[in-house]
Amino acid sequence: MKLSAISIAIVIAGIAGTAFAAGQGKTMQSVTVMGAPAAECVPPNDHTGHACDAFNQLVRANFTRREIGMLFGASTSYPEYVTGGVDRLQRRYQVVLQEYVAAQQQANNANVAGK
């Protein structure tokens, strides 16, 4: 039984290797990767005139300084880490982040449509 399983694995590996080698001469279609605009804006900072001002203001409006510390600092140093409060806070942050990204995408689509 073990010998047949090993034999099958060797055959599958050989087929996969052959398929991989056959595709080496082909060029894949290019892909454009766009990151979330908010991903570059964490953690919130006090710099003004920065492209992330709107996101930083949104974070400050929705979270206390302590919560911001738990989100972007060492969350293990807070008692909420043990009680699950940090997990709830991170889920809340994800909701706010998704709403922000959706609003930014709508604004960008409106700007593109208006041109």
PDB file of N, CA and C in Angstrom:
ATOM      1  N   MET A   1       0.818  -1.194   0.000  1.00  0.00           N
ATOM      2  CA  MET A   1       0.000   0.000   0.000  1.00  0.00           C
ATOM      3  C   MET A   1       0.861   1.256   0.000  1.00  0.00           C
ATOM      4  N   LYS A   2       1.896   1.270   0.841  1.00  0.00           N
ATOM      5  CA  LYS A   2       2.760   2.439   0.902  1.00  0.00           C
ATOM      6  C   LYS A   2       3.500   2.629  -0.413  1.00  0.00           C
ATOM      7  N   LEU A   3       3.913   1.531  -1.023  1.00  0.00           N
ATOM      8  CA  LEU A   3       4.654   1.604  -2.281  1.00  0.00           C
ATOM      9  C   LEU A   3       3.783   2.174  -3.387  1.00  0.00           C
ATOM     10  N   SER A   4       2.511   1.795  -3.427  1.00  0.00           N
ATOM     11  CA  SER A   4       1.634   2.319  -4.480  1.00  0.00           C
ATOM     12  C   SER A   4       1.339   3.800  -4.241  1.00  0.00           C
ATOM     13  N   ALA A   5       1.210   4.223  -3.003  1.00  0.00           N
ATOM     14  CA  ALA A   5       0.983   5.630  -2.704  1.00  0.00           C
ATOM     15  C   ALA A   5       2.191   6.469  -3.104  1.00  0.00           C
ATOM     16  N   ILE A   6       3.372   5.949  -2.847  1.00  0.00           N
ATOM     17  CA  ILE A   6       4.598   6.648  -3.240  1.00  0.00           C
ATOM     18  C   ILE A   6       4.703   6.713  -4.749  1.00  0.00           C
ATOM     19  N   SER A   7       4.371   5.624  -5.424  1.00  0.00           N
ATOM     20  CA  SER A   7       4.417   5.593  -6.888  1.00  0.00           C
ATOM     21  C   SER A   7       3.452   6.602  -7.492  1.00  0.00           C
ATOM     22  N   ILE A   8       2.253   6.667  -6.927  1.00  0.00           N
ATOM     23  CA  ILE A   8       1.264   7.631  -7.419  1.00  0.00           C
ATOM     24  C   ILE A   8       1.765   9.056  -7.198  1.00  0.00           C
ATOM     25  N   ALA A   9       2.354   9.329  -6.052  1.00  0.00           N
ATOM     26  CA  ALA A   9       2.882  10.664  -5.766  1.00  0.00           C
ATOM     27  C   ALA A   9       3.987  11.040  -6.742  1.00  0.00           C
ATOM     28  N   ILE A  10       4.839  10.081  -7.093  1.00  0.00           N
ATOM     29  CA  ILE A  10       5.927  10.349  -8.040  1.00  0.00           C
ATOM     30  C   ILE A  10       5.366  10.647  -9.422  1.00  0.00           C
ATOM     31  N   VAL A  11       4.355   9.894  -9.845  1.00  0.00           N
ATOM     32  CA  VAL A  11       3.736  10.114 -11.159  1.00  0.00           C
ATOM     33  C   VAL A  11       3.079  11.492 -11.199  1.00  0.00           C
ATOM     34  N   ILE A  12       2.350  11.851 -10.144  1.00  0.00           N
ATOM     35  CA  ILE A  12       1.692  13.165 -10.100  1.00  0.00           C
ATOM     36  C   ILE A  12       2.721  14.284 -10.122  1.00  0.00           C
ATOM     37  N   ALA A  13       3.806  14.122  -9.389  1.00  0.00           N
ATOM     38  CA  ALA A  13       4.867  15.131  -9.385  1.00  0.00           C
ATOM     39  C   ALA A  13       5.481  15.258 -10.773  1.00  0.00           C
ATOM     40  N   GLY A  14       5.658  14.148 -11.455  1.00  0.00           N
ATOM     41  CA  GLY A  14       6.213  14.188 -12.812  1.00  0.00           C
ATOM     42  C   GLY A  14       5.298  14.897 -13.778  1.00  0.00           C
ATOM     43  N   ILE A  15       4.001  14.626 -13.673  1.00  0.00           N
ATOM     44  CA  ILE A  15       3.026  15.290 -14.551  1.00  0.00           C
ATOM     45  C   ILE A  15       3.002  16.789 -14.270  1.00  0.00           C
ATOM     46  N   ALA A  16       3.009  17.146 -13.000  1.00  0.00           N
ATOM     47  CA  ALA A  16       3.002  18.565 -12.633  1.00  0.00           C
ATOM     48  C   ALA A  16       4.271  19.255 -13.125  1.00  0.00           C
ATOM     49  N   GLY A  17       5.401  18.595 -13.007  1.00  0.00           N
ATOM     50  CA  GLY A  17       6.665  19.167 -13.486  1.00  0.00           C
ATOM     51  C   GLY A  17       6.655  19.357 -14.986  1.00  0.00           C
ATOM     52  N   THR A  18       6.110  18.406 -15.704  1.00  0.00           N
ATOM     53  CA  THR A  18       6.033  18.512 -17.163  1.00  0.00           C
ATOM     54  C   THR A  18       5.115  19.659 -17.562  1.00  0.00           C
ATOM     55  N   ALA A  19       3.973  19.775 -16.889  1.00  0.00           N
ATOM     56  CA  ALA A  19       3.050  20.861 -17.184  1.00  0.00           C
ATOM     57  C   ALA A  19       3.683  22.216 -16.878  1.00  0.00           C
ATOM     58  N   PHE A  20       4.428  22.290 -15.806  1.00  0.00           N
ATOM     59  CA  PHE A  20       5.107  23.532 -15.435  1.00  0.00           C
ATOM     60  C   PHE A  20       6.156  23.894 -16.482  1.00  0.00           C
ATOM     61  N   ALA A  21       6.939  22.928 -16.908  1.00  0.00           N
ATOM     62  CA  ALA A  21       7.996  23.180 -17.891  1.00  0.00           C
ATOM     63  C   ALA A  21       7.404  23.593 -19.231  1.00  0.00           C
ATOM     64  N   ALA A  22       6.236  23.049 -19.582  1.00  0.00           N
ATOM     65  CA  ALA A  22       5.615  23.394 -20.862  1.00  0.00           C
ATOM     66  C   ALA A  22       5.146  24.840 -20.884  1.00  0.00           C
ATOM     67  N   GLY A  23       4.788  25.381 -19.751  1.00  0.00           N
ATOM     68  CA  GLY A  23       4.287  26.748 -19.687  1.00  0.00           C
ATOM     69  C   GLY A  23       5.366  27.794 -19.506  1.00  0.00           C
ATOM     70  N   GLN A  24       6.621  27.423 -19.471  1.00  0.00           N
ATOM     71  CA  GLN A  24       7.700  28.373 -19.211  1.00  0.00           C
ATOM     72  C   GLN A  24       7.896  29.377 -20.334  1.00  0.00           C
ATOM     73  N   GLY A  25       7.606  29.008 -21.561  1.00  0.00           N
ATOM     74  CA  GLY A  25       7.816  29.920 -22.685  1.00  0.00           C
ATOM     75  C   GLY A  25       6.710  30.944 -22.843  1.00  0.00           C
ATOM     76  N   LYS A  26       5.620  30.790 -22.149  1.00  0.00           N
ATOM     77  CA  LYS A  26       4.475  31.683 -22.283  1.00  0.00           C
ATOM     78  C   LYS A  26       4.616  32.868 -21.348  1.00  0.00           C
ATOM     79  N   THR A  27       4.102  34.017 -21.780  1.00  0.00           N
ATOM     80  CA  THR A  27       4.113  35.220 -20.956  1.00  0.00           C
ATOM     81  C   THR A  27       2.726  35.419 -20.374  1.00  0.00           C
ATOM     82  N   MET A  28       2.690  35.620 -19.083  1.00  0.00           N
ATOM     83  CA  MET A  28       1.404  35.840 -18.429  1.00  0.00           C
ATOM     84  C   MET A  28       0.944  37.268 -18.651  1.00  0.00           C
ATOM     85  N   GLN A  29      -0.354  37.445 -18.629  1.00  0.00           N
ATOM     86  CA  GLN A  29      -0.930  38.765 -18.782  1.00  0.00           C
ATOM     87  C   GLN A  29      -0.531  39.627 -17.581  1.00  0.00           C
ATOM     88  N   SER A  30      -0.232  40.902 -17.825  1.00  0.00           N
ATOM     89  CA  SER A  30       0.183  41.770 -16.730  1.00  0.00           C
ATOM     90  C   SER A  30      -0.984  42.064 -15.802  1.00  0.00           C
ATOM     91  N   VAL A  31      -0.665  42.275 -14.542  1.00  0.00           N
ATOM     92  CA  VAL A  31      -1.666  42.532 -13.517  1.00  0.00           C
ATOM     93  C   VAL A  31      -1.318  43.841 -12.831  1.00  0.00           C
ATOM     94  N   THR A  32      -2.310  44.688 -12.655  1.00  0.00           N
ATOM     95  CA  THR A  32      -2.124  45.932 -11.933  1.00  0.00           C
ATOM     96  C   THR A  32      -2.672  45.747 -10.524  1.00  0.00           C
ATOM     97  N   VAL A  33      -1.834  45.978  -9.545  1.00  0.00           N
ATOM     98  CA  VAL A  33      -2.242  45.801  -8.153  1.00  0.00           C
ATOM     99  C   VAL A  33      -2.464  47.168  -7.549  1.00  0.00           C
ATOM    100  N   MET A  34      -3.635  47.326  -6.956  1.00  0.00           N
ATOM    101  CA  MET A  34      -3.943  48.587  -6.286  1.00  0.00           C
ATOM    102  C   MET A  34      -4.169  48.289  -4.815  1.00  0.00           C
ATOM    103  N   GLY A  35      -3.438  48.963  -3.965  1.00  0.00           N
ATOM    104  CA  GLY A  35      -3.611  48.767  -2.534  1.00  0.00           C
ATOM    105  C   GLY A  35      -4.706  49.663  -2.008  1.00  0.00           C
ATOM    106  N   ALA A  36      -5.215  49.299  -0.878  1.00  0.00           N
ATOM    107  CA  ALA A  36      -6.217  50.142  -0.237  1.00  0.00           C
ATOM    108  C   ALA A  36      -5.549  51.437   0.190  1.00  0.00           C
ATOM    109  N   PRO A  37      -6.157  52.575  -0.089  1.00  0.00           N
ATOM    110  CA  PRO A  37      -5.520  53.846   0.267  1.00  0.00           C
ATOM    111  C   PRO A  37      -5.266  53.981   1.764  1.00  0.00           C
ATOM    112  N   ALA A  38      -6.105  53.364   2.561  1.00  0.00           N
ATOM    113  CA  ALA A  38      -5.941  53.474   4.007  1.00  0.00           C
ATOM    114  C   ALA A  38      -4.775  52.637   4.514  1.00  0.00           C
ATOM    115  N   ALA A  39      -4.347  51.638   3.743  1.00  0.00           N
ATOM    116  CA  ALA A  39      -3.267  50.766   4.185  1.00  0.00           C
ATOM    117  C   ALA A  39      -1.971  51.538   4.380  1.00  0.00           C
ATOM    118  N   GLU A  40      -1.810  52.622   3.641  1.00  0.00           N
ATOM    119  CA  GLU A  40      -0.600  53.427   3.752  1.00  0.00           C
ATOM    120  C   GLU A  40      -0.710  54.464   4.870  1.00  0.00           C
ATOM    121  N   CYS A  41      -1.862  54.565   5.495  1.00  0.00           N
ATOM    122  CA  CYS A  41      -2.125  55.635   6.453  1.00  0.00           C
ATOM    123  C   CYS A  41      -2.115  55.183   7.904  1.00  0.00           C
ATOM    124  N   VAL A  42      -1.675  53.998   8.187  1.00  0.00           N
ATOM    125  CA  VAL A  42      -1.699  53.532   9.569  1.00  0.00           C
ATOM    126  C   VAL A  42      -0.301  53.524  10.127  1.00  0.00           C
ATOM    127  N   PRO A  43      -0.107  53.786  11.385  1.00  0.00           N
ATOM    128  CA  PRO A  43      -1.097  54.265  12.331  1.00  0.00           C
ATOM    129  C   PRO A  43      -1.364  55.751  12.148  1.00  0.00           C
ATOM    130  N   PRO A  44      -2.469  56.237  12.704  1.00  0.00           N
ATOM    131  CA  PRO A  44      -2.769  57.662  12.580  1.00  0.00           C
ATOM    132  C   PRO A  44      -1.650  58.498  13.198  1.00  0.00           C
ATOM    133  N   ASN A  45      -1.354  59.600  12.554  1.00  0.00           N
ATOM    134  CA  ASN A  45      -0.322  60.478  13.086  1.00  0.00           C
ATOM    135  C   ASN A  45      -0.818  61.917  13.072  1.00  0.00           C
ATOM    136  N   ASP A  46      -0.032  62.793  13.610  1.00  0.00           N
ATOM    137  CA  ASP A  46      -0.428  64.188  13.751  1.00  0.00           C
ATOM    138  C   ASP A  46       0.074  65.081  12.629  1.00  0.00           C
ATOM    139  N   HIS A  47       0.700  64.536  11.618  1.00  0.00           N
ATOM    140  CA  HIS A  47       1.199  65.350  10.512  1.00  0.00           C
ATOM    141  C   HIS A  47       0.028  65.950   9.744  1.00  0.00           C
ATOM    142  N   THR A  48       0.118  67.227   9.448  1.00  0.00           N
ATOM    143  CA  THR A  48      -0.934  67.876   8.676  1.00  0.00           C
ATOM    144  C   THR A  48      -0.465  68.042   7.239  1.00  0.00           C
ATOM    145  N   GLY A  49      -1.416  68.203   6.352  1.00  0.00           N
ATOM    146  CA  GLY A  49      -1.078  68.348   4.944  1.00  0.00           C
ATOM    147  C   GLY A  49      -0.689  67.025   4.305  1.00  0.00           C
ATOM    148  N   HIS A  50      -0.969  65.955   4.943  1.00  0.00           N
ATOM    149  CA  HIS A  50      -0.606  64.628   4.463  1.00  0.00           C
ATOM    150  C   HIS A  50      -1.796  64.036   3.710  1.00  0.00           C
ATOM    151  N   ALA A  51      -1.551  63.163   2.790  1.00  0.00           N
ATOM    152  CA  ALA A  51      -2.620  62.542   2.009  1.00  0.00           C
ATOM    153  C   ALA A  51      -3.556  61.703   2.864  1.00  0.00           C
ATOM    154  N   CYS A  52      -3.132  61.348   4.053  1.00  0.00           N
ATOM    155  CA  CYS A  52      -3.925  60.479   4.928  1.00  0.00           C
ATOM    156  C   CYS A  52      -4.748  61.246   5.950  1.00  0.00           C
ATOM    157  N   ASP A  53      -4.826  62.543   5.832  1.00  0.00           N
ATOM    158  CA  ASP A  53      -5.539  63.345   6.834  1.00  0.00           C
ATOM    159  C   ASP A  53      -6.977  62.899   7.034  1.00  0.00           C
ATOM    160  N   ALA A  54      -7.698  62.639   5.951  1.00  0.00           N
ATOM    161  CA  ALA A  54      -9.106  62.254   6.066  1.00  0.00           C
ATOM    162  C   ALA A  54      -9.242  60.929   6.817  1.00  0.00           C
ATOM    163  N   PHE A  55      -8.370  59.992   6.509  1.00  0.00           N
ATOM    164  CA  PHE A  55      -8.428  58.708   7.195  1.00  0.00           C
ATOM    165  C   PHE A  55      -8.074  58.856   8.666  1.00  0.00           C
ATOM    166  N   ASN A  56      -7.037  59.635   8.960  1.00  0.00           N
ATOM    167  CA  ASN A  56      -6.638  59.851  10.354  1.00  0.00           C
ATOM    168  C   ASN A  56      -7.754  60.516  11.154  1.00  0.00           C
ATOM    169  N   GLN A  57      -8.435  61.482  10.547  1.00  0.00           N
ATOM    170  CA  GLN A  57      -9.550  62.135  11.224  1.00  0.00           C
ATOM    171  C   GLN A  57     -10.697  61.160  11.466  1.00  0.00           C
ATOM    172  N   LEU A  58     -10.943  60.281  10.501  1.00  0.00           N
ATOM    173  CA  LEU A  58     -11.985  59.283  10.656  1.00  0.00           C
ATOM    174  C   LEU A  58     -11.669  58.333  11.813  1.00  0.00           C
ATOM    175  N   VAL A  59     -10.419  57.903  11.898  1.00  0.00           N
ATOM    176  CA  VAL A  59     -10.019  57.007  12.990  1.00  0.00           C
ATOM    177  C   VAL A  59     -10.173  57.711  14.326  1.00  0.00           C
ATOM    178  N   ARG A  60      -9.727  58.958  14.404  1.00  0.00           N
ATOM    179  CA  ARG A  60      -9.835  59.696  15.670  1.00  0.00           C
ATOM    180  C   ARG A  60     -11.287  59.966  16.052  1.00  0.00           C
ATOM    181  N   ALA A  61     -12.157  60.128  15.062  1.00  0.00           N
ATOM    182  CA  ALA A  61     -13.568  60.385  15.351  1.00  0.00           C
ATOM    183  C   ALA A  61     -14.283  59.125  15.841  1.00  0.00           C
ATOM    184  N   ASN A  62     -13.797  57.957  15.447  1.00  0.00           N
ATOM    185  CA  ASN A  62     -14.483  56.711  15.788  1.00  0.00           C
ATOM    186  C   ASN A  62     -13.849  55.926  16.928  1.00  0.00           C
ATOM    187  N   PHE A  63     -12.614  56.277  17.315  1.00  0.00           N
ATOM    188  CA  PHE A  63     -11.902  55.514  18.338  1.00  0.00           C
ATOM    189  C   PHE A  63     -11.229  56.453  19.325  1.00  0.00           C
ATOM    190  N   THR A  64     -11.182  56.036  20.580  1.00  0.00           N
ATOM    191  CA  THR A  64     -10.499  56.817  21.612  1.00  0.00           C
ATOM    192  C   THR A  64      -8.984  56.619  21.465  1.00  0.00           C
ATOM    193  N   ARG A  65      -8.223  57.431  22.189  1.00  0.00           N
ATOM    194  CA  ARG A  65      -6.764  57.284  22.147  1.00  0.00           C
ATOM    195  C   ARG A  65      -6.342  55.898  22.624  1.00  0.00           C
ATOM    196  N   ARG A  66      -7.033  55.402  23.635  1.00  0.00           N
ATOM    197  CA  ARG A  66      -6.724  54.070  24.163  1.00  0.00           C
ATOM    198  C   ARG A  66      -6.993  53.004  23.099  1.00  0.00           C
ATOM    199  N   GLU A  67      -8.129  53.124  22.417  1.00  0.00           N
ATOM    200  CA  GLU A  67      -8.459  52.164  21.362  1.00  0.00           C
ATOM    201  C   GLU A  67      -7.468  52.235  20.206  1.00  0.00           C
ATOM    202  N   ILE A  68      -7.043  53.442  19.872  1.00  0.00           N
ATOM    203  CA  ILE A  68      -6.027  53.591  18.820  1.00  0.00           C
ATOM    204  C   ILE A  68      -4.736  52.921  19.254  1.00  0.00           C
ATOM    205  N   GLY A  69      -4.397  53.053  20.533  1.00  0.00           N
ATOM    206  CA  GLY A  69      -3.216  52.369  21.054  1.00  0.00           C
ATOM    207  C   GLY A  69      -3.335  50.862  20.952  1.00  0.00           C
ATOM    208  N   MET A  70      -4.535  50.345  21.215  1.00  0.00           N
ATOM    209  CA  MET A  70      -4.738  48.901  21.117  1.00  0.00           C
ATOM    210  C   MET A  70      -4.692  48.436  19.665  1.00  0.00           C
ATOM    211  N   LEU A  71      -5.196  49.263  18.744  1.00  0.00           N
ATOM    212  CA  LEU A  71      -5.224  48.880  17.336  1.00  0.00           C
ATOM    213  C   LEU A  71      -3.843  48.921  16.689  1.00  0.00           C
ATOM    214  N   PHE A  72      -3.070  49.949  17.005  1.00  0.00           N
ATOM    215  CA  PHE A  72      -1.818  50.167  16.284  1.00  0.00           C
ATOM    216  C   PHE A  72      -0.576  50.004  17.141  1.00  0.00           C
ATOM    217  N   GLY A  73      -0.762  49.779  18.420  1.00  0.00           N
ATOM    218  CA  GLY A  73       0.370  49.583  19.316  1.00  0.00           C
ATOM    219  C   GLY A  73       0.483  48.135  19.738  1.00  0.00           C
ATOM    220  N   ALA A  74       1.072  47.928  20.875  1.00  0.00           N
ATOM    221  CA  ALA A  74       1.241  46.576  21.413  1.00  0.00           C
ATOM    222  C   ALA A  74      -0.041  46.188  22.143  1.00  0.00           C
ATOM    223  N   SER A  75      -0.934  45.514  21.446  1.00  0.00           N
ATOM    224  CA  SER A  75      -2.241  45.184  22.026  1.00  0.00           C
ATOM    225  C   SER A  75      -2.136  44.216  23.197  1.00  0.00           C
ATOM    226  N   THR A  76      -1.056  43.464  23.270  1.00  0.00           N
ATOM    227  CA  THR A  76      -0.914  42.500  24.365  1.00  0.00           C
ATOM    228  C   THR A  76      -0.697  43.176  25.707  1.00  0.00           C
ATOM    229  N   SER A  77      -0.365  44.454  25.713  1.00  0.00           N
ATOM    230  CA  SER A  77      -0.129  45.140  26.979  1.00  0.00           C
ATOM    231  C   SER A  77      -1.420  45.654  27.618  1.00  0.00           C
ATOM    232  N   TYR A  78      -2.539  45.473  26.945  1.00  0.00           N
ATOM    233  CA  TYR A  78      -3.822  45.933  27.469  1.00  0.00           C
ATOM    234  C   TYR A  78      -4.589  44.758  28.077  1.00  0.00           C
ATOM    235  N   PRO A  79      -5.309  44.994  29.177  1.00  0.00           N
ATOM    236  CA  PRO A  79      -6.094  43.906  29.785  1.00  0.00           C
ATOM    237  C   PRO A  79      -7.162  43.357  28.840  1.00  0.00           C
ATOM    238  N   GLU A  80      -7.643  44.187  27.925  1.00  0.00           N
ATOM    239  CA  GLU A  80      -8.669  43.763  26.980  1.00  0.00           C
ATOM    240  C   GLU A  80      -8.181  42.640  26.062  1.00  0.00           C
ATOM    241  N   TYR A  81      -6.867  42.507  25.939  1.00  0.00           N
ATOM    242  CA  TYR A  81      -6.298  41.448  25.097  1.00  0.00           C
ATOM    243  C   TYR A  81      -6.733  40.080  25.610  1.00  0.00           C
ATOM    244  N   VAL A  82      -6.778  39.925  26.925  1.00  0.00           N
ATOM    245  CA  VAL A  82      -7.136  38.649  27.541  1.00  0.00           C
ATOM    246  C   VAL A  82      -8.651  38.409  27.480  1.00  0.00           C
ATOM    247  N   THR A  83      -9.428  39.468  27.611  1.00  0.00           N
ATOM    248  CA  THR A  83     -10.885  39.318  27.690  1.00  0.00           C
ATOM    249  C   THR A  83     -11.566  39.310  26.331  1.00  0.00           C
ATOM    250  N   GLY A  84     -10.820  39.499  25.258  1.00  0.00           N
ATOM    251  CA  GLY A  84     -11.410  39.498  23.920  1.00  0.00           C
ATOM    252  C   GLY A  84     -11.830  40.859  23.441  1.00  0.00           C
ATOM    253  N   GLY A  85     -11.601  41.891  24.217  1.00  0.00           N
ATOM    254  CA  GLY A  85     -11.975  43.240  23.818  1.00  0.00           C
ATOM    255  C   GLY A  85     -11.206  43.723  22.607  1.00  0.00           C
ATOM    256  N   VAL A  86      -9.979  43.290  22.471  1.00  0.00           N
ATOM    257  CA  VAL A  86      -9.167  43.710  21.325  1.00  0.00           C
ATOM    258  C   VAL A  86      -9.733  43.105  20.039  1.00  0.00           C
ATOM    259  N   ASP A  87     -10.201  41.870  20.106  1.00  0.00           N
ATOM    260  CA  ASP A  87     -10.797  41.238  18.926  1.00  0.00           C
ATOM    261  C   ASP A  87     -12.043  41.991  18.469  1.00  0.00           C
ATOM    262  N   ARG A  88     -12.893  42.365  19.422  1.00  0.00           N
ATOM    263  CA  ARG A  88     -14.095  43.139  19.079  1.00  0.00           C
ATOM    264  C   ARG A  88     -13.702  44.490  18.491  1.00  0.00           C
ATOM    265  N   LEU A  89     -12.695  45.111  19.071  1.00  0.00           N
ATOM    266  CA  LEU A  89     -12.223  46.398  18.579  1.00  0.00           C
ATOM    267  C   LEU A  89     -11.668  46.266  17.165  1.00  0.00           C
ATOM    268  N   GLN A  90     -10.930  45.226  16.891  1.00  0.00           N
ATOM    269  CA  GLN A  90     -10.379  45.024  15.546  1.00  0.00           C
ATOM    270  C   GLN A  90     -11.486  44.779  14.527  1.00  0.00           C
ATOM    271  N   ARG A  91     -12.525  44.070  14.922  1.00  0.00           N
ATOM    272  CA  ARG A  91     -13.660  43.868  14.009  1.00  0.00           C
ATOM    273  C   ARG A  91     -14.351  45.199  13.723  1.00  0.00           C
ATOM    274  N   ARG A  92     -14.506  46.028  14.768  1.00  0.00           N
ATOM    275  CA  ARG A  92     -15.107  47.349  14.579  1.00  0.00           C
ATOM    276  C   ARG A  92     -14.248  48.219  13.658  1.00  0.00           C
ATOM    277  N   TYR A  93     -12.938  48.136  13.837  1.00  0.00           N
ATOM    278  CA  TYR A  93     -12.022  48.886  12.983  1.00  0.00           C
ATOM    279  C   TYR A  93     -12.139  48.414  11.526  1.00  0.00           C
ATOM    280  N   GLN A  94     -12.259  47.111  11.318  1.00  0.00           N
ATOM    281  CA  GLN A  94     -12.392  46.588   9.960  1.00  0.00           C
ATOM    282  C   GLN A  94     -13.654  47.120   9.287  1.00  0.00           C
ATOM    283  N   VAL A  95     -14.741  47.241  10.041  1.00  0.00           N
ATOM    284  CA  VAL A  95     -15.981  47.788   9.488  1.00  0.00           C
ATOM    285  C   VAL A  95     -15.778  49.244   9.086  1.00  0.00           C
ATOM    286  N   VAL A  96     -15.154  50.033   9.953  1.00  0.00           N
ATOM    287  CA  VAL A  96     -14.889  51.441   9.642  1.00  0.00           C
ATOM    288  C   VAL A  96     -13.962  51.542   8.433  1.00  0.00           C
ATOM    289  N   LEU A  97     -12.943  50.708   8.383  1.00  0.00           N
ATOM    290  CA  LEU A  97     -12.001  50.710   7.260  1.00  0.00           C
ATOM    291  C   LEU A  97     -12.697  50.351   5.962  1.00  0.00           C
ATOM    292  N   GLN A  98     -13.562  49.350   5.973  1.00  0.00           N
ATOM    293  CA  GLN A  98     -14.280  48.961   4.754  1.00  0.00           C
ATOM    294  C   GLN A  98     -15.203  50.079   4.283  1.00  0.00           C
ATOM    295  N   GLU A  99     -15.862  50.755   5.217  1.00  0.00           N
ATOM    296  CA  GLU A  99     -16.730  51.869   4.850  1.00  0.00           C
ATOM    297  C   GLU A  99     -15.906  53.003   4.229  1.00  0.00           C
ATOM    298  N   TYR A 100     -14.730  53.270   4.794  1.00  0.00           N
ATOM    299  CA  TYR A 100     -13.863  54.315   4.267  1.00  0.00           C
ATOM    300  C   TYR A 100     -13.395  53.977   2.853  1.00  0.00           C
ATOM    301  N   VAL A 101     -12.942  52.749   2.657  1.00  0.00           N
ATOM    302  CA  VAL A 101     -12.455  52.330   1.332  1.00  0.00           C
ATOM    303  C   VAL A 101     -13.590  52.388   0.316  1.00  0.00           C
ATOM    304  N   ALA A 102     -14.790  51.947   0.699  1.00  0.00           N
ATOM    305  CA  ALA A 102     -15.933  51.996  -0.212  1.00  0.00           C
ATOM    306  C   ALA A 102     -16.272  53.435  -0.582  1.00  0.00           C
ATOM    307  N   ALA A 103     -16.220  54.335   0.388  1.00  0.00           N
ATOM    308  CA  ALA A 103     -16.497  55.744   0.116  1.00  0.00           C
ATOM    309  C   ALA A 103     -15.434  56.334  -0.811  1.00  0.00           C
ATOM    310  N   GLN A 104     -14.178  55.960  -0.602  1.00  0.00           N
ATOM    311  CA  GLN A 104     -13.106  56.448  -1.474  1.00  0.00           C
ATOM    312  C   GLN A 104     -13.274  55.930  -2.895  1.00  0.00           C
ATOM    313  N   GLN A 105     -13.661  54.673  -3.036  1.00  0.00           N
ATOM    314  CA  GLN A 105     -13.855  54.106  -4.366  1.00  0.00           C
ATOM    315  C   GLN A 105     -15.019  54.776  -5.076  1.00  0.00           C
ATOM    316  N   GLN A 106     -16.095  55.066  -4.336  1.00  0.00           N
ATOM    317  CA  GLN A 106     -17.227  55.763  -4.938  1.00  0.00           C
ATOM    318  C   GLN A 106     -16.833  57.157  -5.377  1.00  0.00           C
ATOM    319  N   ALA A 107     -16.037  57.831  -4.559  1.00  0.00           N
ATOM    320  CA  ALA A 107     -15.582  59.176  -4.908  1.00  0.00           C
ATOM    321  C   ALA A 107     -14.681  59.133  -6.145  1.00  0.00           C
ATOM    322  N   ASN A 108     -13.805  58.138  -6.203  1.00  0.00           N
ATOM    323  CA  ASN A 108     -12.922  58.007  -7.367  1.00  0.00           C
ATOM    324  C   ASN A 108     -13.714  57.676  -8.621  1.00  0.00           C
ATOM    325  N   ASN A 109     -14.725  56.823  -8.503  1.00  0.00           N
ATOM    326  CA  ASN A 109     -15.554  56.485  -9.646  1.00  0.00           C
ATOM    327  C   ASN A 109     -16.348  57.684 -10.116  1.00  0.00           C
ATOM    328  N   ALA A 110     -16.827  58.512  -9.178  1.00  0.00           N
ATOM    329  CA  ALA A 110     -17.565  59.718  -9.526  1.00  0.00           C
ATOM    330  C   ALA A 110     -16.646  60.710 -10.233  1.00  0.00           C
ATOM    331  N   ASN A 111     -15.385  60.823  -9.781  1.00  0.00           N
ATOM    332  CA  ASN A 111     -14.435  61.723 -10.417  1.00  0.00           C
ATOM    333  C   ASN A 111     -14.105  61.257 -11.828  1.00  0.00           C
ATOM    334  N   VAL A 112     -13.954  59.955 -12.003  1.00  0.00           N
ATOM    335  CA  VAL A 112     -13.638  59.425 -13.324  1.00  0.00           C
ATOM    336  C   VAL A 112     -14.826  59.586 -14.259  1.00  0.00           C
ATOM    337  N   ALA A 113     -16.031  59.361 -13.767  1.00  0.00           N
ATOM    338  CA  ALA A 113     -17.223  59.480 -14.596  1.00  0.00           C
ATOM    339  C   ALA A 113     -17.470  60.930 -14.993  1.00  0.00           C
ATOM    340  N   GLY A 114     -17.086  61.868 -14.146  1.00  0.00           N
ATOM    341  CA  GLY A 114     -17.300  63.280 -14.424  1.00  0.00           C
ATOM    342  C   GLY A 114     -16.311  63.866 -15.423  1.00  0.00           C
ATOM    343  N   LYS A 115     -15.251  63.133 -15.721  1.00  0.00           N
ATOM    344  CA  LYS A 115     -14.220  63.673 -16.636  1.00  0.00           C
ATOM    345  C   LYS A 115     -14.577  63.464 -18.058  1.00  0.00           C
TER     346      LYS A 115
END
